[in-house]
Amino acid sequence: MKELLEHIISSLIDEKYYEIEENVDGDNIRFILKVDQEFIGMIIGKGGKTVKSIRNILRIKAVLENKGVFLEVVEKEEKKDTTE
């Protein structure tokens, strides 16, 4: 299922602007999509339509596999330079 999510997101933004964290708990899968601040709007979409569509696609796949799925979109934290 992670491959499906990666395919969808990579068609919207370049791979270097997001990270996907996957947490599996039995039959439930939780994805945390960490996106650079400037691209969050592209993932969420106008009125949240894009992210709702992505969630619906994931939900369809999850139903076919008898699993539960949750997608959370958060802002990716910038890596701090500690070489001062």
C-alpha atoms as a PDB file:
ATOM      1  CA  MET A   1       0.000   0.000   0.000  1.00  0.00           C
ATOM      2  CA  LYS A   2       2.937   2.307   0.633  1.00  0.00           C
ATOM      3  CA  GLU A   3       3.941   1.874  -3.015  1.00  0.00           C
ATOM      4  CA  LEU A   4       0.500   3.088  -4.094  1.00  0.00           C
ATOM      5  CA  LEU A   5       0.782   6.176  -1.896  1.00  0.00           C
ATOM      6  CA  GLU A   6       4.302   6.894  -3.176  1.00  0.00           C
ATOM      7  CA  HIS A   7       3.078   6.606  -6.768  1.00  0.00           C
ATOM      8  CA  ILE A   8       0.230   9.057  -6.174  1.00  0.00           C
ATOM      9  CA  ILE A   9       2.317  11.619  -4.285  1.00  0.00           C
ATOM     10  CA  SER A  10       5.283  11.433  -6.691  1.00  0.00           C
ATOM     11  CA  SER A  11       2.918  12.313  -9.533  1.00  0.00           C
ATOM     12  CA  LEU A  12       2.071  15.546  -7.669  1.00  0.00           C
ATOM     13  CA  ILE A  13       5.454  16.618  -6.281  1.00  0.00           C
ATOM     14  CA  ASP A  14       9.098  15.562  -6.589  1.00  0.00           C
ATOM     15  CA  GLU A  15      10.384  12.843  -4.252  1.00  0.00           C
ATOM     16  CA  LYS A  16      12.868  15.147  -2.516  1.00  0.00           C
ATOM     17  CA  TYR A  17      10.012  17.259  -1.085  1.00  0.00           C
ATOM     18  CA  TYR A  18       8.279  14.556   0.945  1.00  0.00           C
ATOM     19  CA  GLU A  19       8.812  11.547   3.213  1.00  0.00           C
ATOM     20  CA  ILE A  20       6.392   8.758   4.040  1.00  0.00           C
ATOM     21  CA  GLU A  21       6.449   7.134   7.466  1.00  0.00           C
ATOM     22  CA  GLU A  22       4.511   3.872   7.819  1.00  0.00           C
ATOM     23  CA  ASN A  23       3.326   2.449  11.137  1.00  0.00           C
ATOM     24  CA  VAL A  24       1.660  -0.980  11.104  1.00  0.00           C
ATOM     25  CA  ASP A  25      -0.421  -2.124  14.072  1.00  0.00           C
ATOM     26  CA  GLY A  26      -2.069  -5.442  13.305  1.00  0.00           C
ATOM     27  CA  ASP A  27      -4.543  -4.845  10.492  1.00  0.00           C
ATOM     28  CA  ASN A  28      -4.261  -1.062  10.732  1.00  0.00           C
ATOM     29  CA  ILE A  29      -1.778   0.991   8.739  1.00  0.00           C
ATOM     30  CA  ARG A  30      -1.000   4.610   9.588  1.00  0.00           C
ATOM     31  CA  PHE A  31       0.847   6.746   7.052  1.00  0.00           C
ATOM     32  CA  ILE A  32       2.401  10.040   8.043  1.00  0.00           C
ATOM     33  CA  LEU A  33       3.154  12.091   4.953  1.00  0.00           C
ATOM     34  CA  LYS A  34       5.766  14.731   5.732  1.00  0.00           C
ATOM     35  CA  VAL A  35       5.756  17.427   3.060  1.00  0.00           C
ATOM     36  CA  ASP A  36       7.842  20.584   2.617  1.00  0.00           C
ATOM     37  CA  GLN A  37       5.867  23.655   3.627  1.00  0.00           C
ATOM     38  CA  GLU A  38       5.722  25.092   0.107  1.00  0.00           C
ATOM     39  CA  PHE A  39       4.055  21.938  -1.300  1.00  0.00           C
ATOM     40  CA  ILE A  40       1.480  21.147   1.401  1.00  0.00           C
ATOM     41  CA  GLY A  41      -1.156  23.098  -0.527  1.00  0.00           C
ATOM     42  CA  MET A  42      -0.677  20.863  -3.557  1.00  0.00           C
ATOM     43  CA  ILE A  43      -1.273  17.742  -1.459  1.00  0.00           C
ATOM     44  CA  ILE A  44      -4.279  19.106   0.435  1.00  0.00           C
ATOM     45  CA  GLY A  45      -5.863  20.802  -2.568  1.00  0.00           C
ATOM     46  CA  LYS A  46      -8.647  23.354  -2.702  1.00  0.00           C
ATOM     47  CA  GLY A  47     -11.060  22.626   0.116  1.00  0.00           C
ATOM     48  CA  GLY A  48      -9.124  19.447   0.935  1.00  0.00           C
ATOM     49  CA  LYS A  49     -10.360  17.696  -2.206  1.00  0.00           C
ATOM     50  CA  THR A  50      -6.990  16.241  -3.230  1.00  0.00           C
ATOM     51  CA  VAL A  51      -6.162  14.706   0.151  1.00  0.00           C
ATOM     52  CA  LYS A  52      -9.717  13.339   0.440  1.00  0.00           C
ATOM     53  CA  SER A  53      -9.318  11.662  -2.944  1.00  0.00           C
ATOM     54  CA  ILE A  54      -5.971  10.165  -1.918  1.00  0.00           C
ATOM     55  CA  ARG A  55      -7.536   8.853   1.293  1.00  0.00           C
ATOM     56  CA  ASN A  56     -10.427   7.340  -0.662  1.00  0.00           C
ATOM     57  CA  ILE A  57      -8.052   5.507  -3.009  1.00  0.00           C
ATOM     58  CA  LEU A  58      -6.100   4.155  -0.029  1.00  0.00           C
ATOM     59  CA  ARG A  59      -9.350   3.153   1.691  1.00  0.00           C
ATOM     60  CA  ILE A  60     -10.474   1.168  -1.373  1.00  0.00           C
ATOM     61  CA  LYS A  61      -7.166  -0.735  -1.412  1.00  0.00           C
ATOM     62  CA  ALA A  62      -7.415  -1.298   2.359  1.00  0.00           C
ATOM     63  CA  VAL A  63     -10.939  -2.732   2.078  1.00  0.00           C
ATOM     64  CA  LEU A  64      -9.751  -5.156  -0.588  1.00  0.00           C
ATOM     65  CA  GLU A  65      -6.969  -6.274   1.773  1.00  0.00           C
ATOM     66  CA  ASN A  66      -9.233  -6.329   4.890  1.00  0.00           C
ATOM     67  CA  LYS A  67      -7.176  -3.624   6.602  1.00  0.00           C
ATOM     68  CA  GLY A  68      -7.687  -0.179   8.028  1.00  0.00           C
ATOM     69  CA  VAL A  69      -5.749   2.810   6.781  1.00  0.00           C
ATOM     70  CA  PHE A  70      -5.165   6.350   8.033  1.00  0.00           C
ATOM     71  CA  LEU A  71      -3.293   9.155   6.277  1.00  0.00           C
ATOM     72  CA  GLU A  72      -1.971  12.197   8.120  1.00  0.00           C
ATOM     73  CA  VAL A  73      -0.315  15.092   6.275  1.00  0.00           C
ATOM     74  CA  VAL A  74       2.180  17.153   8.277  1.00  0.00           C
ATOM     75  CA  GLU A  75       4.786  19.773   7.537  1.00  0.00           C
ATOM     76  CA  LYS A  76       8.261  18.345   7.098  1.00  0.00           C
ATOM     77  CA  GLU A  77      10.709  19.717   9.636  1.00  0.00           C
ATOM     78  CA  GLU A  78      13.776  21.388   8.233  1.00  0.00           C
ATOM     79  CA  LYS A  79      17.070  19.787   9.125  1.00  0.00           C
ATOM     80  CA  LYS A  80      19.040  22.114  11.347  1.00  0.00           C
ATOM     81  CA  ASP A  81      22.701  22.729  10.633  1.00  0.00           C
ATOM     82  CA  THR A  82      24.697  21.876  13.769  1.00  0.00           C
ATOM     83  CA  THR A  83      28.128  22.785  12.374  1.00  0.00           C
ATOM     84  CA  GLU A  84      28.259  26.253  13.931  1.00  0.00           C
END
